[in-house]
Amino acid sequence: FRNVFVAGASRGVGRMVVQKILQKGSSVVALVRNNTEAASELNALEGVTVIEGDAFDYKTVENAMDGCSAVVSTLGGSPQENGKIIDYDGNQNVIEAAGILGVT
Protein backbone atom coordinates (compact mmCIF):
# COMPACT_ATOMS: atom_id res chain seq x y z
CA PHE A 1 0.00 0.00 0.00
CA ARG A 2 1.33 3.39 -0.90
CA ASN A 3 -0.54 5.68 1.50
CA VAL A 4 -2.16 4.35 4.69
CA PHE A 5 -4.71 6.22 6.81
CA VAL A 6 -4.25 5.59 10.55
CA ALA A 7 -6.99 6.69 12.94
CA GLY A 8 -5.83 6.92 16.53
CA ALA A 9 -2.18 7.49 15.70
CA SER A 10 -1.47 9.72 18.71
CA ARG A 11 -0.04 7.13 21.05
CA GLY A 12 0.15 3.50 22.08
CA VAL A 13 -0.79 0.94 19.48
CA GLY A 14 -1.55 3.64 16.91
CA ARG A 15 1.95 5.07 17.18
CA MET A 16 3.47 1.59 16.84
CA VAL A 17 1.36 0.95 13.75
CA VAL A 18 2.63 4.19 12.19
CA GLN A 19 6.24 3.11 12.80
CA LYS A 20 5.65 -0.34 11.24
CA ILE A 21 3.97 1.14 8.17
CA LEU A 22 6.85 3.57 7.66
CA GLN A 23 9.37 0.73 8.05
CA LYS A 24 7.60 -1.09 5.21
CA GLY A 25 8.10 1.94 2.95
CA SER A 26 4.56 3.29 2.88
CA SER A 27 3.51 6.79 3.83
CA VAL A 28 0.95 7.56 6.54
CA VAL A 29 -1.92 9.99 6.93
CA ALA A 30 -2.34 10.15 10.71
CA LEU A 31 -5.59 11.38 12.23
CA VAL A 32 -4.98 12.74 15.72
CA ARG A 33 -7.19 14.68 18.07
CA ASN A 34 -6.20 18.22 18.82
CA ASN A 35 -3.03 17.06 20.53
CA THR A 36 -0.21 19.40 19.58
CA GLU A 37 2.49 17.27 21.20
CA ALA A 38 1.50 14.13 19.29
CA ALA A 39 1.04 16.11 16.09
CA SER A 40 4.49 17.66 16.44
CA GLU A 41 6.12 14.29 17.09
CA LEU A 42 4.37 12.67 14.13
CA ASN A 43 5.10 15.62 11.83
CA ALA A 44 8.79 15.12 12.58
CA LEU A 45 8.64 11.65 11.00
CA GLU A 46 9.43 11.49 7.30
CA GLY A 47 6.49 10.08 5.38
CA VAL A 48 3.78 11.18 7.83
CA THR A 49 1.06 13.73 7.11
CA VAL A 50 -0.81 14.72 10.26
CA ILE A 51 -4.47 15.69 10.18
CA GLU A 52 -5.68 17.13 13.47
CA GLY A 53 -9.35 16.40 13.86
CA ASP A 54 -12.07 14.43 15.53
CA ALA A 55 -13.06 10.94 14.41
CA PHE A 56 -16.59 11.75 15.60
CA ASP A 57 -16.81 14.14 12.62
CA TYR A 58 -17.51 12.07 9.52
CA LYS A 59 -16.36 14.72 7.01
CA THR A 60 -13.02 15.10 8.80
CA VAL A 61 -12.45 11.36 8.54
CA GLU A 62 -13.54 11.15 4.90
CA ASN A 63 -11.44 14.13 3.82
CA ALA A 64 -8.35 12.83 5.65
CA MET A 65 -8.76 9.35 4.16
CA ASP A 66 -9.34 10.49 0.59
CA GLY A 67 -6.39 9.37 -1.55
CA CYS A 68 -5.30 6.57 0.79
CA SER A 69 -5.12 2.95 -0.32
CA ALA A 70 -5.54 1.30 3.09
CA VAL A 71 -6.95 2.04 6.54
CA VAL A 72 -5.95 1.04 10.06
CA SER A 73 -8.00 2.13 13.06
CA THR A 74 -6.73 1.96 16.62
CA LEU A 75 -9.44 4.22 18.01
CA GLY A 76 -10.46 3.57 21.57
CA GLY A 77 -11.14 5.30 24.83
CA SER A 78 -13.67 6.21 27.44
CA PRO A 79 -17.20 7.39 26.65
CA GLN A 80 -17.53 11.14 26.09
CA GLU A 81 -19.69 13.36 28.31
CA ASN A 82 -22.40 13.25 25.65
CA GLY A 83 -22.42 9.44 25.75
CA LYS A 84 -20.68 8.93 22.42
CA ILE A 85 -18.12 6.14 22.34
CA ILE A 86 -15.15 6.49 19.99
CA ASP A 87 -14.86 2.70 19.68
CA TYR A 88 -18.31 2.68 18.11
CA ASP A 89 -19.10 6.12 16.67
CA GLY A 90 -15.58 7.00 15.50
CA ASN A 91 -14.94 3.60 14.00
CA GLN A 92 -18.33 3.72 12.30
CA ASN A 93 -17.17 6.89 10.51
CA VAL A 94 -13.88 5.21 9.53
CA ILE A 95 -15.67 2.14 8.16
CA GLU A 96 -18.29 4.18 6.28
CA ALA A 97 -15.72 6.51 4.71
CA ALA A 98 -13.54 3.57 3.67
CA GLY A 99 -16.52 1.91 2.02
CA ILE A 100 -17.55 5.04 0.16
CA LEU A 101 -14.00 5.83 -0.97
CA GLY A 102 -13.18 2.21 -1.85
CA VAL A 103 -10.29 2.01 0.63
CA THR A 104 -9.36 -1.39 2.05
PDB file of N, CA and C in Angstrom:
ATOM      1  N   PHE A   1       0.838  -1.177   0.000  1.00  0.00           N
ATOM      2  CA  PHE A   1       0.000   0.000   0.000  1.00  0.00           C
ATOM      3  C   PHE A   1       0.879   1.235   0.000  1.00  0.00           C
ATOM      4  N   ARG A   2       0.518   2.189  -0.767  1.00  0.00           N
ATOM      5  CA  ARG A   2       1.335   3.389  -0.898  1.00  0.00           C
ATOM      6  C   ARG A   2       1.084   4.387   0.221  1.00  0.00           C
ATOM      7  N   ASN A   3      -0.176   4.645   0.537  1.00  0.00           N
ATOM      8  CA  ASN A   3      -0.543   5.678   1.495  1.00  0.00           C
ATOM      9  C   ASN A   3      -1.596   5.102   2.439  1.00  0.00           C
ATOM     10  N   VAL A   4      -1.288   5.012   3.729  1.00  0.00           N
ATOM     11  CA  VAL A   4      -2.158   4.350   4.693  1.00  0.00           C
ATOM     12  C   VAL A   4      -2.712   5.364   5.687  1.00  0.00           C
ATOM     13  N   PHE A   5      -4.029   5.371   5.829  1.00  0.00           N
ATOM     14  CA  PHE A   5      -4.709   6.225   6.809  1.00  0.00           C
ATOM     15  C   PHE A   5      -4.706   5.494   8.148  1.00  0.00           C
ATOM     16  N   VAL A   6      -4.250   6.176   9.199  1.00  0.00           N
ATOM     17  CA  VAL A   6      -4.253   5.591  10.548  1.00  0.00           C
ATOM     18  C   VAL A   6      -5.053   6.497  11.465  1.00  0.00           C
ATOM     19  N   ALA A   7      -6.172   5.976  11.957  1.00  0.00           N
ATOM     20  CA  ALA A   7      -6.988   6.692  12.939  1.00  0.00           C
ATOM     21  C   ALA A   7      -6.531   6.263  14.326  1.00  0.00           C
ATOM     22  N   GLY A   8      -6.311   7.229  15.190  1.00  0.00           N
ATOM     23  CA  GLY A   8      -5.834   6.917  16.530  1.00  0.00           C
ATOM     24  C   GLY A   8      -4.327   6.787  16.595  1.00  0.00           C
ATOM     25  N   ALA A   9      -3.632   7.600  15.821  1.00  0.00           N
ATOM     26  CA  ALA A   9      -2.178   7.489  15.696  1.00  0.00           C
ATOM     27  C   ALA A   9      -1.408   8.231  16.790  1.00  0.00           C
ATOM     28  N   SER A  10      -2.117   8.862  17.708  1.00  0.00           N
ATOM     29  CA  SER A  10      -1.471   9.724  18.705  1.00  0.00           C
ATOM     30  C   SER A  10      -0.505   9.014  19.628  1.00  0.00           C
ATOM     31  N   ARG A  11      -0.866   7.806  20.037  1.00  0.00           N
ATOM     32  CA  ARG A  11      -0.044   7.135  21.047  1.00  0.00           C
ATOM     33  C   ARG A  11      -0.311   5.632  21.029  1.00  0.00           C
ATOM     34  N   GLY A  12       0.380   4.928  21.883  1.00  0.00           N
ATOM     35  CA  GLY A  12       0.148   3.501  22.085  1.00  0.00           C
ATOM     36  C   GLY A  12       0.238   2.678  20.822  1.00  0.00           C
ATOM     37  N   VAL A  13      -0.756   1.844  20.629  1.00  0.00           N
ATOM     38  CA  VAL A  13      -0.792   0.936  19.482  1.00  0.00           C
ATOM     39  C   VAL A  13      -0.773   1.726  18.170  1.00  0.00           C
ATOM     40  N   GLY A  14      -1.508   2.824  18.125  1.00  0.00           N
ATOM     41  CA  GLY A  14      -1.548   3.636  16.910  1.00  0.00           C
ATOM     42  C   GLY A  14      -0.171   4.136  16.504  1.00  0.00           C
ATOM     43  N   ARG A  15       0.607   4.578  17.467  1.00  0.00           N
ATOM     44  CA  ARG A  15       1.953   5.068  17.182  1.00  0.00           C
ATOM     45  C   ARG A  15       2.835   3.924  16.693  1.00  0.00           C
ATOM     46  N   MET A  16       2.691   2.755  17.283  1.00  0.00           N
ATOM     47  CA  MET A  16       3.468   1.591  16.842  1.00  0.00           C
ATOM     48  C   MET A  16       3.092   1.196  15.416  1.00  0.00           C
ATOM     49  N   VAL A  17       1.816   1.268  15.099  1.00  0.00           N
ATOM     50  CA  VAL A  17       1.358   0.948  13.747  1.00  0.00           C
ATOM     51  C   VAL A  17       1.982   1.911  12.741  1.00  0.00           C
ATOM     52  N   VAL A  18       2.006   3.198  13.070  1.00  0.00           N
ATOM     53  CA  VAL A  18       2.627   4.190  12.191  1.00  0.00           C
ATOM     54  C   VAL A  18       4.080   3.813  11.924  1.00  0.00           C
ATOM     55  N   GLN A  19       4.822   3.485  12.954  1.00  0.00           N
ATOM     56  CA  GLN A  19       6.238   3.112  12.802  1.00  0.00           C
ATOM     57  C   GLN A  19       6.396   1.902  11.873  1.00  0.00           C
ATOM     58  N   LYS A  20       5.569   0.881  12.071  1.00  0.00           N
ATOM     59  CA  LYS A  20       5.653  -0.336  11.242  1.00  0.00           C
ATOM     60  C   LYS A  20       5.336  -0.036   9.776  1.00  0.00           C
ATOM     61  N   ILE A  21       4.334   0.789   9.543  1.00  0.00           N
ATOM     62  CA  ILE A  21       3.970   1.140   8.169  1.00  0.00           C
ATOM     63  C   ILE A  21       5.118   1.884   7.497  1.00  0.00           C
ATOM     64  N   LEU A  22       5.716   2.824   8.216  1.00  0.00           N
ATOM     65  CA  LEU A  22       6.847   3.573   7.663  1.00  0.00           C
ATOM     66  C   LEU A  22       8.022   2.645   7.370  1.00  0.00           C
ATOM     67  N   GLN A  23       8.281   1.687   8.252  1.00  0.00           N
ATOM     68  CA  GLN A  23       9.373   0.728   8.046  1.00  0.00           C
ATOM     69  C   GLN A  23       9.166  -0.094   6.782  1.00  0.00           C
ATOM     70  N   LYS A  24       7.917  -0.320   6.415  1.00  0.00           N
ATOM     71  CA  LYS A  24       7.600  -1.091   5.210  1.00  0.00           C
ATOM     72  C   LYS A  24       7.668  -0.239   3.941  1.00  0.00           C
ATOM     73  N   GLY A  25       7.921   1.069   4.103  1.00  0.00           N
ATOM     74  CA  GLY A  25       8.097   1.939   2.947  1.00  0.00           C
ATOM     75  C   GLY A  25       6.856   2.674   2.492  1.00  0.00           C
ATOM     76  N   SER A  26       5.777   2.566   3.234  1.00  0.00           N
ATOM     77  CA  SER A  26       4.558   3.293   2.880  1.00  0.00           C
ATOM     78  C   SER A  26       4.527   4.626   3.611  1.00  0.00           C
ATOM     79  N   SER A  27       3.718   5.539   3.119  1.00  0.00           N
ATOM     80  CA  SER A  27       3.513   6.792   3.830  1.00  0.00           C
ATOM     81  C   SER A  27       2.226   6.694   4.644  1.00  0.00           C
ATOM     82  N   VAL A  28       2.058   7.618   5.591  1.00  0.00           N
ATOM     83  CA  VAL A  28       0.947   7.565   6.542  1.00  0.00           C
ATOM     84  C   VAL A  28       0.224   8.908   6.578  1.00  0.00           C
ATOM     85  N   VAL A  29      -1.092   8.843   6.584  1.00  0.00           N
ATOM     86  CA  VAL A  29      -1.921   9.989   6.931  1.00  0.00           C
ATOM     87  C   VAL A  29      -2.459   9.673   8.314  1.00  0.00           C
ATOM     88  N   ALA A  30      -2.019  10.432   9.307  1.00  0.00           N
ATOM     89  CA  ALA A  30      -2.340  10.149  10.706  1.00  0.00           C
ATOM     90  C   ALA A  30      -3.399  11.112  11.222  1.00  0.00           C
ATOM     91  N   LEU A  31      -4.542  10.566  11.619  1.00  0.00           N
ATOM     92  CA  LEU A  31      -5.592  11.376  12.226  1.00  0.00           C
ATOM     93  C   LEU A  31      -5.372  11.394  13.730  1.00  0.00           C
ATOM     94  N   VAL A  32      -5.170  12.586  14.268  1.00  0.00           N
ATOM     95  CA  VAL A  32      -4.981  12.737  15.716  1.00  0.00           C
ATOM     96  C   VAL A  32      -5.919  13.820  16.218  1.00  0.00           C
ATOM     97  N   ARG A  33      -6.383  13.627  17.450  1.00  0.00           N
ATOM     98  CA  ARG A  33      -7.190  14.681  18.065  1.00  0.00           C
ATOM     99  C   ARG A  33      -6.327  15.914  18.231  1.00  0.00           C
ATOM    100  N   ASN A  34      -6.928  16.966  18.646  1.00  0.00           N
ATOM    101  CA  ASN A  34      -6.199  18.223  18.824  1.00  0.00           C
ATOM    102  C   ASN A  34      -5.162  18.062  19.928  1.00  0.00           C
ATOM    103  N   ASN A  35      -4.106  17.354  19.591  1.00  0.00           N
ATOM    104  CA  ASN A  35      -3.029  17.056  20.529  1.00  0.00           C
ATOM    105  C   ASN A  35      -1.738  17.561  19.891  1.00  0.00           C
ATOM    106  N   THR A  36      -1.354  18.771  20.238  1.00  0.00           N
ATOM    107  CA  THR A  36      -0.214  19.400  19.583  1.00  0.00           C
ATOM    108  C   THR A  36       1.077  18.625  19.779  1.00  0.00           C
ATOM    109  N   GLU A  37       1.256  18.031  20.944  1.00  0.00           N
ATOM    110  CA  GLU A  37       2.488  17.273  21.196  1.00  0.00           C
ATOM    111  C   GLU A  37       2.578  16.068  20.261  1.00  0.00           C
ATOM    112  N   ALA A  38       1.502  15.303  20.175  1.00  0.00           N
ATOM    113  CA  ALA A  38       1.502  14.132  19.288  1.00  0.00           C
ATOM    114  C   ALA A  38       1.637  14.566  17.836  1.00  0.00           C
ATOM    115  N   ALA A  39       0.951  15.625  17.464  1.00  0.00           N
ATOM    116  CA  ALA A  39       1.036  16.106  16.087  1.00  0.00           C
ATOM    117  C   ALA A  39       2.456  16.534  15.747  1.00  0.00           C
ATOM    118  N   SER A  40       3.111  17.221  16.662  1.00  0.00           N
ATOM    119  CA  SER A  40       4.495  17.659  16.438  1.00  0.00           C
ATOM    120  C   SER A  40       5.432  16.473  16.289  1.00  0.00           C
ATOM    121  N   GLU A  41       5.271  15.480  17.153  1.00  0.00           N
ATOM    122  CA  GLU A  41       6.120  14.290  17.089  1.00  0.00           C
ATOM    123  C   GLU A  41       5.918  13.541  15.779  1.00  0.00           C
ATOM    124  N   LEU A  42       4.660  13.382  15.374  1.00  0.00           N
ATOM    125  CA  LEU A  42       4.372  12.669  14.133  1.00  0.00           C
ATOM    126  C   LEU A  42       4.833  13.467  12.915  1.00  0.00           C
ATOM    127  N   ASN A  43       4.652  14.765  12.945  1.00  0.00           N
ATOM    128  CA  ASN A  43       5.101  15.619  11.829  1.00  0.00           C
ATOM    129  C   ASN A  43       6.604  15.543  11.627  1.00  0.00           C
ATOM    130  N   ALA A  44       7.336  15.225  12.677  1.00  0.00           N
ATOM    131  CA  ALA A  44       8.794  15.122  12.584  1.00  0.00           C
ATOM    132  C   ALA A  44       9.231  13.853  11.853  1.00  0.00           C
ATOM    133  N   LEU A  45       8.319  12.913  11.674  1.00  0.00           N
ATOM    134  CA  LEU A  45       8.645  11.650  11.001  1.00  0.00           C
ATOM    135  C   LEU A  45       8.483  11.807   9.492  1.00  0.00           C
ATOM    136  N   GLU A  46       9.503  11.433   8.756  1.00  0.00           N
ATOM    137  CA  GLU A  46       9.427  11.490   7.297  1.00  0.00           C
ATOM    138  C   GLU A  46       8.382  10.493   6.807  1.00  0.00           C
ATOM    139  N   GLY A  47       7.511  10.958   5.941  1.00  0.00           N
ATOM    140  CA  GLY A  47       6.485  10.084   5.379  1.00  0.00           C
ATOM    141  C   GLY A  47       5.149  10.171   6.086  1.00  0.00           C
ATOM    142  N   VAL A  48       5.031  11.053   7.087  1.00  0.00           N
ATOM    143  CA  VAL A  48       3.777  11.184   7.831  1.00  0.00           C
ATOM    144  C   VAL A  48       3.146  12.546   7.556  1.00  0.00           C
ATOM    145  N   THR A  49       1.875  12.525   7.206  1.00  0.00           N
ATOM    146  CA  THR A  49       1.061  13.727   7.109  1.00  0.00           C
ATOM    147  C   THR A  49       0.061  13.684   8.251  1.00  0.00           C
ATOM    148  N   VAL A  50       0.072  14.687   9.095  1.00  0.00           N
ATOM    149  CA  VAL A  50      -0.809  14.722  10.258  1.00  0.00           C
ATOM    150  C   VAL A  50      -2.052  15.549   9.941  1.00  0.00           C
ATOM    151  N   ILE A  51      -3.202  14.976  10.262  1.00  0.00           N
ATOM    152  CA  ILE A  51      -4.467  15.688  10.181  1.00  0.00           C
ATOM    153  C   ILE A  51      -5.007  15.759  11.602  1.00  0.00           C
ATOM    154  N   GLU A  52      -5.097  16.974  12.138  1.00  0.00           N
ATOM    155  CA  GLU A  52      -5.676  17.131  13.466  1.00  0.00           C
ATOM    156  C   GLU A  52      -7.181  17.257  13.305  1.00  0.00           C
ATOM    157  N   GLY A  53      -7.907  16.373  13.968  1.00  0.00           N
ATOM    158  CA  GLY A  53      -9.355  16.399  13.855  1.00  0.00           C
ATOM    159  C   GLY A  53      -9.989  15.356  14.748  1.00  0.00           C
ATOM    160  N   ASP A  54     -11.281  15.282  14.663  1.00  0.00           N
ATOM    161  CA  ASP A  54     -12.072  14.426  15.532  1.00  0.00           C
ATOM    162  C   ASP A  54     -12.713  13.313  14.717  1.00  0.00           C
ATOM    163  N   ALA A  55     -12.482  12.084  15.119  1.00  0.00           N
ATOM    164  CA  ALA A  55     -13.064  10.941  14.409  1.00  0.00           C
ATOM    165  C   ALA A  55     -14.583  10.900  14.543  1.00  0.00           C
ATOM    166  N   PHE A  56     -15.138  11.652  15.486  1.00  0.00           N
ATOM    167  CA  PHE A  56     -16.590  11.749  15.597  1.00  0.00           C
ATOM    168  C   PHE A  56     -17.184  12.550  14.437  1.00  0.00           C
ATOM    169  N   ASP A  57     -16.347  13.331  13.744  1.00  0.00           N
ATOM    170  CA  ASP A  57     -16.807  14.140  12.622  1.00  0.00           C
ATOM    171  C   ASP A  57     -16.560  13.382  11.323  1.00  0.00           C
ATOM    172  N   TYR A  58     -17.637  12.901  10.720  1.00  0.00           N
ATOM    173  CA  TYR A  58     -17.511  12.072   9.521  1.00  0.00           C
ATOM    174  C   TYR A  58     -16.714  12.765   8.408  1.00  0.00           C
ATOM    175  N   LYS A  59     -17.019  14.023   8.120  1.00  0.00           N
ATOM    176  CA  LYS A  59     -16.360  14.723   7.009  1.00  0.00           C
ATOM    177  C   LYS A  59     -14.856  14.845   7.245  1.00  0.00           C
ATOM    178  N   THR A  60     -14.447  15.047   8.487  1.00  0.00           N
ATOM    179  CA  THR A  60     -13.015  15.103   8.804  1.00  0.00           C
ATOM    180  C   THR A  60     -12.354  13.783   8.441  1.00  0.00           C
ATOM    181  N   VAL A  61     -12.997  12.689   8.819  1.00  0.00           N
ATOM    182  CA  VAL A  61     -12.453  11.357   8.536  1.00  0.00           C
ATOM    183  C   VAL A  61     -12.395  11.120   7.033  1.00  0.00           C
ATOM    184  N   GLU A  62     -13.490  11.386   6.349  1.00  0.00           N
ATOM    185  CA  GLU A  62     -13.542  11.154   4.903  1.00  0.00           C
ATOM    186  C   GLU A  62     -12.497  11.990   4.171  1.00  0.00           C
ATOM    187  N   ASN A  63     -12.400  13.265   4.496  1.00  0.00           N
ATOM    188  CA  ASN A  63     -11.437  14.135   3.825  1.00  0.00           C
ATOM    189  C   ASN A  63      -9.998  13.697   4.086  1.00  0.00           C
ATOM    190  N   ALA A  64      -9.715  13.283   5.319  1.00  0.00           N
ATOM    191  CA  ALA A  64      -8.352  12.832   5.647  1.00  0.00           C
ATOM    192  C   ALA A  64      -8.009  11.538   4.913  1.00  0.00           C
ATOM    193  N   MET A  65      -8.983  10.663   4.767  1.00  0.00           N
ATOM    194  CA  MET A  65      -8.763   9.353   4.165  1.00  0.00           C
ATOM    195  C   MET A  65      -8.700   9.390   2.638  1.00  0.00           C
ATOM    196  N   ASP A  66      -9.276  10.397   2.036  1.00  0.00           N
ATOM    197  CA  ASP A  66      -9.340  10.489   0.586  1.00  0.00           C
ATOM    198  C   ASP A  66      -7.928  10.436  -0.002  1.00  0.00           C
ATOM    199  N   GLY A  67      -7.699   9.528  -0.917  1.00  0.00           N
ATOM    200  CA  GLY A  67      -6.394   9.369  -1.545  1.00  0.00           C
ATOM    201  C   GLY A  67      -5.551   8.261  -0.929  1.00  0.00           C
ATOM    202  N   CYS A  68      -6.033   7.680   0.156  1.00  0.00           N
ATOM    203  CA  CYS A  68      -5.296   6.575   0.790  1.00  0.00           C
ATOM    204  C   CYS A  68      -5.709   5.248   0.165  1.00  0.00           C
ATOM    205  N   SER A  69      -4.831   4.264   0.255  1.00  0.00           N
ATOM    206  CA  SER A  69      -5.120   2.955  -0.323  1.00  0.00           C
ATOM    207  C   SER A  69      -5.444   1.908   0.732  1.00  0.00           C
ATOM    208  N   ALA A  70      -5.230   2.238   2.004  1.00  0.00           N
ATOM    209  CA  ALA A  70      -5.535   1.298   3.087  1.00  0.00           C
ATOM    210  C   ALA A  70      -5.855   2.084   4.357  1.00  0.00           C
ATOM    211  N   VAL A  71      -6.538   1.413   5.280  1.00  0.00           N
ATOM    212  CA  VAL A  71      -6.954   2.038   6.537  1.00  0.00           C
ATOM    213  C   VAL A  71      -6.616   1.131   7.703  1.00  0.00           C
ATOM    214  N   VAL A  72      -6.118   1.737   8.784  1.00  0.00           N
ATOM    215  CA  VAL A  72      -5.946   1.040  10.057  1.00  0.00           C
ATOM    216  C   VAL A  72      -6.570   1.936  11.115  1.00  0.00           C
ATOM    217  N   SER A  73      -7.418   1.358  11.966  1.00  0.00           N
ATOM    218  CA  SER A  73      -7.999   2.127  13.063  1.00  0.00           C
ATOM    219  C   SER A  73      -7.596   1.522  14.391  1.00  0.00           C
ATOM    220  N   THR A  74      -7.057   2.374  15.251  1.00  0.00           N
ATOM    221  CA  THR A  74      -6.732   1.961  16.621  1.00  0.00           C
ATOM    222  C   THR A  74      -7.499   2.841  17.602  1.00  0.00           C
ATOM    223  N   LEU A  75      -8.632   3.347  17.155  1.00  0.00           N
ATOM    224  CA  LEU A  75      -9.437   4.223  18.008  1.00  0.00           C
ATOM    225  C   LEU A  75      -9.945   3.469  19.234  1.00  0.00           C
ATOM    226  N   GLY A  76      -9.925   4.136  20.339  1.00  0.00           N
ATOM    227  CA  GLY A  76     -10.459   3.571  21.571  1.00  0.00           C
ATOM    228  C   GLY A  76     -10.414   4.603  22.663  1.00  0.00           C
ATOM    229  N   GLY A  77     -11.144   4.362  23.711  1.00  0.00           N
ATOM    230  CA  GLY A  77     -11.135   5.299  24.827  1.00  0.00           C
ATOM    231  C   GLY A  77     -12.419   5.244  25.612  1.00  0.00           C
ATOM    232  N   SER A  78     -12.510   6.138  26.556  1.00  0.00           N
ATOM    233  CA  SER A  78     -13.671   6.211  27.439  1.00  0.00           C
ATOM    234  C   SER A  78     -14.824   6.941  26.760  1.00  0.00           C
ATOM    235  N   PRO A  79     -16.053   6.657  27.191  1.00  0.00           N
ATOM    236  CA  PRO A  79     -17.201   7.393  26.651  1.00  0.00           C
ATOM    237  C   PRO A  79     -17.068   8.899  26.911  1.00  0.00           C
ATOM    238  N   GLN A  80     -17.537   9.684  25.970  1.00  0.00           N
ATOM    239  CA  GLN A  80     -17.534  11.137  26.091  1.00  0.00           C
ATOM    240  C   GLN A  80     -18.655  11.573  27.034  1.00  0.00           C
ATOM    241  N   GLU A  81     -18.642  12.827  27.445  1.00  0.00           N
ATOM    242  CA  GLU A  81     -19.689  13.361  28.314  1.00  0.00           C
ATOM    243  C   GLU A  81     -21.065  13.254  27.680  1.00  0.00           C
ATOM    244  N   ASN A  82     -21.120  13.335  26.354  1.00  0.00           N
ATOM    245  CA  ASN A  82     -22.404  13.254  25.652  1.00  0.00           C
ATOM    246  C   ASN A  82     -22.841  11.805  25.393  1.00  0.00           C
ATOM    247  N   GLY A  83     -22.066  10.847  25.897  1.00  0.00           N
ATOM    248  CA  GLY A  83     -22.418   9.436  25.746  1.00  0.00           C
ATOM    249  C   GLY A  83     -21.853   8.770  24.513  1.00  0.00           C
ATOM    250  N   LYS A  84     -21.264   9.530  23.610  1.00  0.00           N
ATOM    251  CA  LYS A  84     -20.679   8.929  22.419  1.00  0.00           C
ATOM    252  C   LYS A  84     -19.443   8.120  22.802  1.00  0.00           C
ATOM    253  N   ILE A  85     -19.251   7.028  22.079  1.00  0.00           N
ATOM    254  CA  ILE A  85     -18.120   6.145  22.341  1.00  0.00           C
ATOM    255  C   ILE A  85     -17.280   6.052  21.074  1.00  0.00           C
ATOM    256  N   ILE A  86     -16.023   6.441  21.171  1.00  0.00           N
ATOM    257  CA  ILE A  86     -15.152   6.487  19.987  1.00  0.00           C
ATOM    258  C   ILE A  86     -15.000   5.107  19.360  1.00  0.00           C
ATOM    259  N   ASP A  87     -14.982   4.064  20.207  1.00  0.00           N
ATOM    260  CA  ASP A  87     -14.863   2.704  19.679  1.00  0.00           C
ATOM    261  C   ASP A  87     -16.000   2.397  18.706  1.00  0.00           C
ATOM    262  N   TYR A  88     -17.168   2.934  18.968  1.00  0.00           N
ATOM    263  CA  TYR A  88     -18.314   2.683  18.109  1.00  0.00           C
ATOM    264  C   TYR A  88     -18.509   3.801  17.086  1.00  0.00           C
ATOM    265  N   ASP A  89     -18.754   5.016  17.565  1.00  0.00           N
ATOM    266  CA  ASP A  89     -19.098   6.120  16.675  1.00  0.00           C
ATOM    267  C   ASP A  89     -17.941   6.531  15.761  1.00  0.00           C
ATOM    268  N   GLY A  90     -16.739   6.628  16.317  1.00  0.00           N
ATOM    269  CA  GLY A  90     -15.580   6.999  15.504  1.00  0.00           C
ATOM    270  C   GLY A  90     -15.243   5.933  14.483  1.00  0.00           C
ATOM    271  N   ASN A  91     -15.235   4.692  14.923  1.00  0.00           N
ATOM    272  CA  ASN A  91     -14.941   3.599  13.998  1.00  0.00           C
ATOM    273  C   ASN A  91     -16.026   3.442  12.945  1.00  0.00           C
ATOM    274  N   GLN A  92     -17.256   3.756  13.296  1.00  0.00           N
ATOM    275  CA  GLN A  92     -18.332   3.721  12.303  1.00  0.00           C
ATOM    276  C   GLN A  92     -18.033   4.718  11.183  1.00  0.00           C
ATOM    277  N   ASN A  93     -17.540   5.894  11.526  1.00  0.00           N
ATOM    278  CA  ASN A  93     -17.174   6.886  10.513  1.00  0.00           C
ATOM    279  C   ASN A  93     -16.019   6.391   9.651  1.00  0.00           C
ATOM    280  N   VAL A  94     -15.029   5.751  10.270  1.00  0.00           N
ATOM    281  CA  VAL A  94     -13.885   5.212   9.528  1.00  0.00           C
ATOM    282  C   VAL A  94     -14.361   4.142   8.539  1.00  0.00           C
ATOM    283  N   ILE A  95     -15.187   3.226   9.004  1.00  0.00           N
ATOM    284  CA  ILE A  95     -15.674   2.139   8.157  1.00  0.00           C
ATOM    285  C   ILE A  95     -16.532   2.675   7.008  1.00  0.00           C
ATOM    286  N   GLU A  96     -17.423   3.617   7.314  1.00  0.00           N
ATOM    287  CA  GLU A  96     -18.291   4.176   6.277  1.00  0.00           C
ATOM    288  C   GLU A  96     -17.482   4.932   5.226  1.00  0.00           C
ATOM    289  N   ALA A  97     -16.532   5.747   5.668  1.00  0.00           N
ATOM    290  CA  ALA A  97     -15.722   6.509   4.714  1.00  0.00           C
ATOM    291  C   ALA A  97     -14.887   5.562   3.837  1.00  0.00           C
ATOM    292  N   ALA A  98     -14.328   4.531   4.445  1.00  0.00           N
ATOM    293  CA  ALA A  98     -13.537   3.571   3.674  1.00  0.00           C
ATOM    294  C   ALA A  98     -14.390   2.898   2.608  1.00  0.00           C
ATOM    295  N   GLY A  99     -15.611   2.537   2.968  1.00  0.00           N
ATOM    296  CA  GLY A  99     -16.516   1.910   2.017  1.00  0.00           C
ATOM    297  C   GLY A  99     -16.867   2.829   0.863  1.00  0.00           C
ATOM    298  N   ILE A 100     -17.176   4.073   1.185  1.00  0.00           N
ATOM    299  CA  ILE A 100     -17.550   5.041   0.161  1.00  0.00           C
ATOM    300  C   ILE A 100     -16.378   5.358  -0.758  1.00  0.00           C
ATOM    301  N   LEU A 101     -15.186   5.479  -0.175  1.00  0.00           N
ATOM    302  CA  LEU A 101     -14.000   5.833  -0.970  1.00  0.00           C
ATOM    303  C   LEU A 101     -13.341   4.621  -1.625  1.00  0.00           C
ATOM    304  N   GLY A 102     -13.771   3.408  -1.274  1.00  0.00           N
ATOM    305  CA  GLY A 102     -13.176   2.210  -1.854  1.00  0.00           C
ATOM    306  C   GLY A 102     -11.804   1.900  -1.297  1.00  0.00           C
ATOM    307  N   VAL A 103     -11.583   2.253  -0.022  1.00  0.00           N
ATOM    308  CA  VAL A 103     -10.292   2.014   0.630  1.00  0.00           C
ATOM    309  C   VAL A 103     -10.396   0.721   1.422  1.00  0.00           C
ATOM    310  N   THR A 104      -9.335  -0.109   1.345  1.00  0.00           N
ATOM    311  CA  THR A 104      -9.363  -1.387   2.053  1.00  0.00           C
ATOM    312  C   THR A 104      -8.893  -1.273   3.481  1.00  0.00           C
TER     313      THR A 104
END
